[in-house]
């Protein structure tokens, strides 16, 4: 995992949609999930204020609970670091 000042970046996986070259980037304002679905680019930006709760499911699970009721389940290396970084702004 790379860390640049207050930014985290890493590869990630989730079931739907299945992505190639998926990367997660956490900045002060948002979490961006990006990758490729075949020849189409996938990009989703989630404002940090919209994340109301974060859980870690060992060994690499990270669950984000959003204000609108959605749940996003990611697999990331070192999920505890992501949980800590996301909770710092809460």
C-alpha atoms as a PDB file:
ATOM      1  CA  UNK A   1       0.000   0.000   0.000  1.00  0.00           C
ATOM      2  CA  UNK A   2       1.292   3.431  -0.878  1.00  0.00           C
ATOM      3  CA  UNK A   3       0.795   6.399   1.399  1.00  0.00           C
ATOM      4  CA  UNK A   4       1.279  10.033   0.362  1.00  0.00           C
ATOM      5  CA  UNK A   5       0.681  12.465   3.226  1.00  0.00           C
ATOM      6  CA  UNK A   6      -2.967  11.859   4.189  1.00  0.00           C
ATOM      7  CA  UNK A   7      -3.750   9.788   1.085  1.00  0.00           C
ATOM      8  CA  UNK A   8      -3.941   5.994   0.893  1.00  0.00           C
ATOM      9  CA  UNK A   9      -3.930   3.970  -2.305  1.00  0.00           C
ATOM     10  CA  UNK A  10      -4.057   0.230  -2.894  1.00  0.00           C
ATOM     11  CA  UNK A  11      -5.473  -2.462  -5.108  1.00  0.00           C
ATOM     12  CA  UNK A  12      -8.870  -3.851  -4.127  1.00  0.00           C
ATOM     13  CA  UNK A  13     -11.441  -6.419  -5.110  1.00  0.00           C
ATOM     14  CA  UNK A  14     -15.184  -6.732  -4.803  1.00  0.00           C
ATOM     15  CA  UNK A  15     -17.682  -9.159  -6.288  1.00  0.00           C
ATOM     16  CA  UNK A  16     -19.833  -6.850  -8.371  1.00  0.00           C
ATOM     17  CA  UNK A  17     -18.734  -5.538 -10.703  1.00  0.00           C
ATOM     18  CA  UNK A  18     -15.632  -7.642 -11.268  1.00  0.00           C
ATOM     19  CA  UNK A  19     -12.845  -5.224 -12.208  1.00  0.00           C
ATOM     20  CA  UNK A  20      -9.414  -5.439 -13.765  1.00  0.00           C
ATOM     21  CA  UNK A  21      -6.617  -3.275 -12.371  1.00  0.00           C
ATOM     22  CA  UNK A  22      -8.848  -2.034  -9.549  1.00  0.00           C
ATOM     23  CA  UNK A  23      -7.432   0.720  -7.327  1.00  0.00           C
ATOM     24  CA  UNK A  24      -8.822   2.427  -4.250  1.00  0.00           C
ATOM     25  CA  UNK A  25      -7.671   5.946  -3.371  1.00  0.00           C
ATOM     26  CA  UNK A  26      -8.578   7.706  -0.148  1.00  0.00           C
ATOM     27  CA  UNK A  27      -8.072  11.463   0.023  1.00  0.00           C
ATOM     28  CA  UNK A  28      -9.171  14.020   2.582  1.00  0.00           C
ATOM     29  CA  UNK A  29     -12.527  14.466   0.818  1.00  0.00           C
ATOM     30  CA  UNK A  30     -13.428  11.133  -0.794  1.00  0.00           C
ATOM     31  CA  UNK A  31     -12.820   7.478  -1.484  1.00  0.00           C
ATOM     32  CA  UNK A  32     -12.424   6.734  -5.174  1.00  0.00           C
ATOM     33  CA  UNK A  33     -12.809   3.198  -6.535  1.00  0.00           C
ATOM     34  CA  UNK A  34     -11.598   2.738 -10.103  1.00  0.00           C
ATOM     35  CA  UNK A  35     -10.816  -0.054 -12.512  1.00  0.00           C
ATOM     36  CA  UNK A  36     -11.790  -1.580 -15.837  1.00  0.00           C
ATOM     37  CA  UNK A  37     -14.841  -3.622 -16.831  1.00  0.00           C
ATOM     38  CA  UNK A  38     -13.672  -5.044 -20.124  1.00  0.00           C
ATOM     39  CA  UNK A  39     -13.038  -1.955 -22.260  1.00  0.00           C
ATOM     40  CA  UNK A  40     -15.107   0.397 -20.073  1.00  0.00           C
ATOM     41  CA  UNK A  41     -13.691   2.438 -17.232  1.00  0.00           C
ATOM     42  CA  UNK A  42     -15.367   2.057 -13.835  1.00  0.00           C
ATOM     43  CA  UNK A  43     -15.121   4.927 -11.362  1.00  0.00           C
ATOM     44  CA  UNK A  44     -17.083   5.559  -8.196  1.00  0.00           C
ATOM     45  CA  UNK A  45     -16.457   8.425  -5.804  1.00  0.00           C
ATOM     46  CA  UNK A  46     -17.788   8.253  -2.257  1.00  0.00           C
ATOM     47  CA  UNK A  47     -17.603  11.370  -0.113  1.00  0.00           C
ATOM     48  CA  UNK A  48     -16.136  10.624   3.294  1.00  0.00           C
ATOM     49  CA  UNK A  49     -19.091  12.332   4.967  1.00  0.00           C
ATOM     50  CA  UNK A  50     -21.374   9.704   3.369  1.00  0.00           C
ATOM     51  CA  UNK A  51     -19.560   6.852   5.149  1.00  0.00           C
ATOM     52  CA  UNK A  52     -21.302   6.404   8.493  1.00  0.00           C
ATOM     53  CA  UNK A  53     -19.576   3.241   9.730  1.00  0.00           C
ATOM     54  CA  UNK A  54     -16.613   1.020   8.849  1.00  0.00           C
ATOM     55  CA  UNK A  55     -16.030  -2.625   9.794  1.00  0.00           C
ATOM     56  CA  UNK A  56     -13.053  -4.917   9.255  1.00  0.00           C
ATOM     57  CA  UNK A  57     -13.709  -8.576   8.472  1.00  0.00           C
ATOM     58  CA  UNK A  58     -10.495 -10.612   8.712  1.00  0.00           C
ATOM     59  CA  UNK A  59      -8.399 -11.344   6.869  1.00  0.00           C
ATOM     60  CA  UNK A  60      -8.828  -8.551   4.248  1.00  0.00           C
ATOM     61  CA  UNK A  61     -12.447  -7.440   4.363  1.00  0.00           C
ATOM     62  CA  UNK A  62     -13.501  -3.813   4.658  1.00  0.00           C
ATOM     63  CA  UNK A  63     -17.212  -3.006   4.915  1.00  0.00           C
ATOM     64  CA  UNK A  64     -18.439   0.559   4.364  1.00  0.00           C
ATOM     65  CA  UNK A  65     -21.914   1.541   5.557  1.00  0.00           C
ATOM     66  CA  UNK A  66     -23.241   4.574   3.682  1.00  0.00           C
ATOM     67  CA  UNK A  67     -25.849   7.179   4.675  1.00  0.00           C
ATOM     68  CA  UNK A  68     -28.225   6.026   1.927  1.00  0.00           C
ATOM     69  CA  UNK A  69     -28.309   2.471   3.325  1.00  0.00           C
ATOM     70  CA  UNK A  70     -25.870   0.932   0.834  1.00  0.00           C
ATOM     71  CA  UNK A  71     -23.162  -1.424   2.030  1.00  0.00           C
ATOM     72  CA  UNK A  72     -19.919  -1.740   0.085  1.00  0.00           C
ATOM     73  CA  UNK A  73     -17.745  -4.772   0.746  1.00  0.00           C
ATOM     74  CA  UNK A  74     -14.130  -4.566  -0.379  1.00  0.00           C
ATOM     75  CA  UNK A  75     -11.127  -6.794  -0.055  1.00  0.00           C
ATOM     76  CA  UNK A  76      -7.988  -4.715   0.540  1.00  0.00           C
ATOM     77  CA  UNK A  77      -4.524  -5.382   1.942  1.00  0.00           C
ATOM     78  CA  UNK A  78      -4.221  -4.132   5.532  1.00  0.00           C
ATOM     79  CA  UNK A  79      -7.910  -3.222   6.047  1.00  0.00           C
ATOM     80  CA  UNK A  80      -7.179  -1.996   9.578  1.00  0.00           C
ATOM     81  CA  UNK A  81      -5.168   0.905   8.128  1.00  0.00           C
ATOM     82  CA  UNK A  82      -8.131   1.879   5.946  1.00  0.00           C
ATOM     83  CA  UNK A  83     -10.562   1.625   8.852  1.00  0.00           C
ATOM     84  CA  UNK A  84      -8.311   3.825  10.993  1.00  0.00           C
ATOM     85  CA  UNK A  85      -7.907   6.418   8.230  1.00  0.00           C
ATOM     86  CA  UNK A  86     -11.669   6.535   7.557  1.00  0.00           C
ATOM     87  CA  UNK A  87     -12.506   6.919  11.243  1.00  0.00           C
ATOM     88  CA  UNK A  88     -10.064   9.812  11.732  1.00  0.00           C
ATOM     89  CA  UNK A  89     -12.508  12.206  10.109  1.00  0.00           C
ATOM     90  CA  UNK A  90     -15.582  10.991  11.996  1.00  0.00           C
END
